[in-house]
């Protein structure tokens, strides 16, 4: 098991690459980035995935999803300051991307999973600048927001 400081360095290095390039480093590149041997970087990658809702591509050591980003195309298309190339893991995770690039304009475009109509959210820092359509809502199969009795919406 890796030390917390090592996991922090690895997480920061991976996220920096994803934010800057839209891809995650392979564990061999991560090893150089955080100054550990290759087998340790491979183990750290899997340990980080086990601590997050991310995953590696089945049967490989390739990062497939590193929340809030997905590293392979999804229907949650992300542009940052007008440049594309990123994808969100899910609609709710997509909203967190703005905190990783606080001085940039983030736009998420996705089709509605029920009707196929386009949905768009534009954000900058802590502000959501626009949502189209205005009545867009999100759904999850998971219980979120605490206990059912304490949730503002049911």
C-alpha atoms as a PDB file:
ATOM      1  CA  UNK A   1       0.000   0.000   0.000  1.00  0.00           C
ATOM      2  CA  UNK A   2       1.384   3.387  -1.014  1.00  0.00           C
ATOM      3  CA  UNK A   3       1.965   6.219   1.411  1.00  0.00           C
ATOM      4  CA  UNK A   4      -0.629   9.001   1.391  1.00  0.00           C
ATOM      5  CA  UNK A   5       1.958  11.516   0.141  1.00  0.00           C
ATOM      6  CA  UNK A   6       2.750   9.207  -2.808  1.00  0.00           C
ATOM      7  CA  UNK A   7      -0.937   8.779  -3.622  1.00  0.00           C
ATOM      8  CA  UNK A   8      -1.416  12.562  -3.441  1.00  0.00           C
ATOM      9  CA  UNK A   9       1.512  13.165  -5.822  1.00  0.00           C
ATOM     10  CA  UNK A  10       0.228  10.529  -8.232  1.00  0.00           C
ATOM     11  CA  UNK A  11      -3.341  11.833  -8.135  1.00  0.00           C
ATOM     12  CA  UNK A  12      -2.137  15.396  -8.763  1.00  0.00           C
ATOM     13  CA  UNK A  13       0.148  14.293 -11.614  1.00  0.00           C
ATOM     14  CA  UNK A  14      -2.595  12.274 -13.317  1.00  0.00           C
ATOM     15  CA  UNK A  15      -5.199  15.022 -12.921  1.00  0.00           C
ATOM     16  CA  UNK A  16      -2.766  17.661 -14.236  1.00  0.00           C
ATOM     17  CA  UNK A  17      -2.210  15.586 -17.393  1.00  0.00           C
ATOM     18  CA  UNK A  18      -5.927  14.980 -17.861  1.00  0.00           C
ATOM     19  CA  UNK A  19      -6.763  18.674 -17.443  1.00  0.00           C
ATOM     20  CA  UNK A  20      -3.938  19.827 -19.741  1.00  0.00           C
ATOM     21  CA  UNK A  21      -4.090  17.131 -22.412  1.00  0.00           C
ATOM     22  CA  UNK A  22      -7.353  15.216 -22.074  1.00  0.00           C
ATOM     23  CA  UNK A  23      -5.482  11.953 -21.475  1.00  0.00           C
ATOM     24  CA  UNK A  24      -3.978  10.216 -18.471  1.00  0.00           C
ATOM     25  CA  UNK A  25      -0.373   9.121 -18.346  1.00  0.00           C
ATOM     26  CA  UNK A  26       0.424   5.427 -18.618  1.00  0.00           C
ATOM     27  CA  UNK A  27       1.883   4.088 -15.384  1.00  0.00           C
ATOM     28  CA  UNK A  28       5.338   3.956 -17.002  1.00  0.00           C
ATOM     29  CA  UNK A  29       5.187   7.723 -17.570  1.00  0.00           C
ATOM     30  CA  UNK A  30       3.653   8.252 -14.141  1.00  0.00           C
ATOM     31  CA  UNK A  31       6.668   6.490 -12.601  1.00  0.00           C
ATOM     32  CA  UNK A  32       8.977   9.205 -13.948  1.00  0.00           C
ATOM     33  CA  UNK A  33       6.562  11.971 -13.024  1.00  0.00           C
ATOM     34  CA  UNK A  34       6.444  10.983  -9.354  1.00  0.00           C
ATOM     35  CA  UNK A  35       9.926   9.415  -9.128  1.00  0.00           C
ATOM     36  CA  UNK A  36       8.986   5.821  -8.284  1.00  0.00           C
ATOM     37  CA  UNK A  37       9.773   2.558 -10.043  1.00  0.00           C
ATOM     38  CA  UNK A  38       7.418   1.296 -12.736  1.00  0.00           C
ATOM     39  CA  UNK A  39       5.864  -1.507 -10.687  1.00  0.00           C
ATOM     40  CA  UNK A  40       5.110   0.949  -7.854  1.00  0.00           C
ATOM     41  CA  UNK A  41       3.458   3.362 -10.324  1.00  0.00           C
ATOM     42  CA  UNK A  42       1.324   0.512 -11.678  1.00  0.00           C
ATOM     43  CA  UNK A  43       0.253  -0.430  -8.144  1.00  0.00           C
ATOM     44  CA  UNK A  44      -0.426   3.220  -7.245  1.00  0.00           C
ATOM     45  CA  UNK A  45      -2.595   3.630 -10.353  1.00  0.00           C
ATOM     46  CA  UNK A  46      -4.738   0.658  -9.321  1.00  0.00           C
ATOM     47  CA  UNK A  47      -4.839   1.846  -5.712  1.00  0.00           C
ATOM     48  CA  UNK A  48      -6.082   5.286  -6.779  1.00  0.00           C
ATOM     49  CA  UNK A  49      -8.748   3.717  -8.982  1.00  0.00           C
ATOM     50  CA  UNK A  50      -9.870   1.640  -6.018  1.00  0.00           C
ATOM     51  CA  UNK A  51     -10.310   4.812  -3.945  1.00  0.00           C
ATOM     52  CA  UNK A  52     -12.366   6.730  -6.523  1.00  0.00           C
ATOM     53  CA  UNK A  53     -15.326   6.054  -8.796  1.00  0.00           C
ATOM     54  CA  UNK A  54     -12.778   5.723 -11.630  1.00  0.00           C
ATOM     55  CA  UNK A  55     -11.679   2.552 -13.405  1.00  0.00           C
ATOM     56  CA  UNK A  56      -9.151   0.989 -15.726  1.00  0.00           C
ATOM     57  CA  UNK A  57     -10.191  -0.494 -19.051  1.00  0.00           C
ATOM     58  CA  UNK A  58     -11.146  -4.133 -18.354  1.00  0.00           C
ATOM     59  CA  UNK A  59      -8.229  -6.509 -18.660  1.00  0.00           C
ATOM     60  CA  UNK A  60      -5.653  -3.694 -18.868  1.00  0.00           C
ATOM     61  CA  UNK A  61      -3.757  -1.217 -16.741  1.00  0.00           C
ATOM     62  CA  UNK A  62      -4.973   1.743 -18.831  1.00  0.00           C
ATOM     63  CA  UNK A  63      -6.930   4.398 -16.992  1.00  0.00           C
ATOM     64  CA  UNK A  64     -10.354   4.619 -18.630  1.00  0.00           C
ATOM     65  CA  UNK A  65     -12.030   7.020 -16.236  1.00  0.00           C
ATOM     66  CA  UNK A  66     -10.520   9.417 -13.713  1.00  0.00           C
ATOM     67  CA  UNK A  67     -13.348  11.440 -12.204  1.00  0.00           C
ATOM     68  CA  UNK A  68     -14.721  13.834 -13.128  1.00  0.00           C
ATOM     69  CA  UNK A  69     -13.250  13.017 -16.540  1.00  0.00           C
ATOM     70  CA  UNK A  70     -13.743   9.986 -18.723  1.00  0.00           C
ATOM     71  CA  UNK A  71     -10.699   9.197 -20.855  1.00  0.00           C
ATOM     72  CA  UNK A  72     -12.624   7.680 -23.712  1.00  0.00           C
ATOM     73  CA  UNK A  73     -15.454   9.400 -25.545  1.00  0.00           C
ATOM     74  CA  UNK A  74     -18.789   9.636 -23.790  1.00  0.00           C
ATOM     75  CA  UNK A  75     -21.884  11.612 -24.711  1.00  0.00           C
ATOM     76  CA  UNK A  76     -20.787  14.274 -22.151  1.00  0.00           C
ATOM     77  CA  UNK A  77     -18.665  16.434 -24.439  1.00  0.00           C
ATOM     78  CA  UNK A  78     -16.540  19.000 -22.566  1.00  0.00           C
ATOM     79  CA  UNK A  79     -14.962  22.155 -23.956  1.00  0.00           C
ATOM     80  CA  UNK A  80     -12.644  24.364 -21.924  1.00  0.00           C
ATOM     81  CA  UNK A  81     -12.196  27.923 -23.182  1.00  0.00           C
ATOM     82  CA  UNK A  82     -13.616  26.808 -26.529  1.00  0.00           C
ATOM     83  CA  UNK A  83     -11.203  23.888 -26.945  1.00  0.00           C
ATOM     84  CA  UNK A  84     -12.649  20.382 -27.056  1.00  0.00           C
ATOM     85  CA  UNK A  85     -11.104  17.023 -26.349  1.00  0.00           C
ATOM     86  CA  UNK A  86     -12.415  16.152 -22.895  1.00  0.00           C
ATOM     87  CA  UNK A  87     -15.301  13.966 -21.824  1.00  0.00           C
ATOM     88  CA  UNK A  88     -17.083  13.782 -18.491  1.00  0.00           C
ATOM     89  CA  UNK A  89     -17.720  10.567 -16.629  1.00  0.00           C
ATOM     90  CA  UNK A  90     -21.356  11.467 -15.960  1.00  0.00           C
ATOM     91  CA  UNK A  91     -23.647  14.469 -15.899  1.00  0.00           C
ATOM     92  CA  UNK A  92     -23.142  15.162 -12.213  1.00  0.00           C
ATOM     93  CA  UNK A  93     -19.363  14.682 -12.349  1.00  0.00           C
ATOM     94  CA  UNK A  94     -19.282  17.062 -15.327  1.00  0.00           C
ATOM     95  CA  UNK A  95     -20.324  19.922 -13.064  1.00  0.00           C
ATOM     96  CA  UNK A  96     -17.152  19.470 -10.979  1.00  0.00           C
ATOM     97  CA  UNK A  97     -14.839  20.150 -13.925  1.00  0.00           C
ATOM     98  CA  UNK A  98     -15.209  23.908 -13.439  1.00  0.00           C
ATOM     99  CA  UNK A  99     -13.384  23.689 -10.098  1.00  0.00           C
ATOM    100  CA  UNK A 100     -10.341  22.118 -11.781  1.00  0.00           C
ATOM    101  CA  UNK A 101     -10.050  25.058 -14.186  1.00  0.00           C
ATOM    102  CA  UNK A 102     -11.403  27.974 -12.118  1.00  0.00           C
ATOM    103  CA  UNK A 103     -10.289  30.752 -14.472  1.00  0.00           C
ATOM    104  CA  UNK A 104     -11.662  29.113 -17.604  1.00  0.00           C
ATOM    105  CA  UNK A 105     -15.018  28.816 -19.318  1.00  0.00           C
ATOM    106  CA  UNK A 106     -16.375  25.245 -19.295  1.00  0.00           C
ATOM    107  CA  UNK A 107     -19.171  23.990 -21.506  1.00  0.00           C
ATOM    108  CA  UNK A 108     -20.816  20.575 -21.276  1.00  0.00           C
ATOM    109  CA  UNK A 109     -22.941  19.354 -24.185  1.00  0.00           C
ATOM    110  CA  UNK A 110     -24.890  16.115 -24.062  1.00  0.00           C
ATOM    111  CA  UNK A 111     -28.036  14.645 -25.525  1.00  0.00           C
ATOM    112  CA  UNK A 112     -30.879  13.890 -23.142  1.00  0.00           C
ATOM    113  CA  UNK A 113     -30.781  10.153 -22.460  1.00  0.00           C
ATOM    114  CA  UNK A 114     -34.591   9.989 -22.639  1.00  0.00           C
ATOM    115  CA  UNK A 115     -35.441  12.012 -25.757  1.00  0.00           C
ATOM    116  CA  UNK A 116     -32.124  12.822 -27.456  1.00  0.00           C
ATOM    117  CA  UNK A 117     -32.669  16.587 -27.370  1.00  0.00           C
ATOM    118  CA  UNK A 118     -29.497  18.631 -26.712  1.00  0.00           C
ATOM    119  CA  UNK A 119     -28.618  19.799 -23.200  1.00  0.00           C
ATOM    120  CA  UNK A 120     -25.934  22.410 -22.591  1.00  0.00           C
ATOM    121  CA  UNK A 121     -24.427  23.827 -19.410  1.00  0.00           C
ATOM    122  CA  UNK A 122     -21.931  26.689 -19.400  1.00  0.00           C
ATOM    123  CA  UNK A 123     -19.887  27.476 -16.294  1.00  0.00           C
ATOM    124  CA  UNK A 124     -17.068  29.710 -15.141  1.00  0.00           C
ATOM    125  CA  UNK A 125     -15.545  29.327 -11.683  1.00  0.00           C
ATOM    126  CA  UNK A 126     -18.320  28.963  -9.133  1.00  0.00           C
ATOM    127  CA  UNK A 127     -20.962  30.335 -11.487  1.00  0.00           C
ATOM    128  CA  UNK A 128     -23.257  28.424 -13.801  1.00  0.00           C
ATOM    129  CA  UNK A 129     -23.701  30.911 -16.635  1.00  0.00           C
ATOM    130  CA  UNK A 130     -26.390  29.138 -18.632  1.00  0.00           C
ATOM    131  CA  UNK A 131     -28.408  25.949 -18.881  1.00  0.00           C
ATOM    132  CA  UNK A 132     -30.306  24.973 -21.984  1.00  0.00           C
ATOM    133  CA  UNK A 133     -33.073  24.043 -21.841  1.00  0.00           C
ATOM    134  CA  UNK A 134     -33.751  26.049 -18.682  1.00  0.00           C
ATOM    135  CA  UNK A 135     -35.885  23.233 -17.253  1.00  0.00           C
ATOM    136  CA  UNK A 136     -33.080  20.630 -17.533  1.00  0.00           C
ATOM    137  CA  UNK A 137     -32.887  18.263 -14.579  1.00  0.00           C
ATOM    138  CA  UNK A 138     -30.601  15.411 -13.603  1.00  0.00           C
ATOM    139  CA  UNK A 139     -31.479  11.918 -12.439  1.00  0.00           C
ATOM    140  CA  UNK A 140     -29.500   9.216 -10.701  1.00  0.00           C
ATOM    141  CA  UNK A 141     -30.205   5.646  -9.750  1.00  0.00           C
ATOM    142  CA  UNK A 142     -28.253   6.228  -6.533  1.00  0.00           C
ATOM    143  CA  UNK A 143     -29.526   7.743  -3.308  1.00  0.00           C
ATOM    144  CA  UNK A 144     -27.798  11.128  -2.961  1.00  0.00           C
ATOM    145  CA  UNK A 145     -28.245  14.004  -0.548  1.00  0.00           C
ATOM    146  CA  UNK A 146     -28.353  12.091   2.722  1.00  0.00           C
ATOM    147  CA  UNK A 147     -31.199  10.073   4.149  1.00  0.00           C
ATOM    148  CA  UNK A 148     -34.535  10.114   2.343  1.00  0.00           C
ATOM    149  CA  UNK A 149     -36.165  11.992   5.220  1.00  0.00           C
ATOM    150  CA  UNK A 150     -33.575  14.807   5.041  1.00  0.00           C
ATOM    151  CA  UNK A 151     -33.432  15.311   1.263  1.00  0.00           C
ATOM    152  CA  UNK A 152     -35.039  18.513  -0.007  1.00  0.00           C
ATOM    153  CA  UNK A 153     -36.394  16.697  -3.087  1.00  0.00           C
ATOM    154  CA  UNK A 154     -37.652  13.135  -3.315  1.00  0.00           C
END
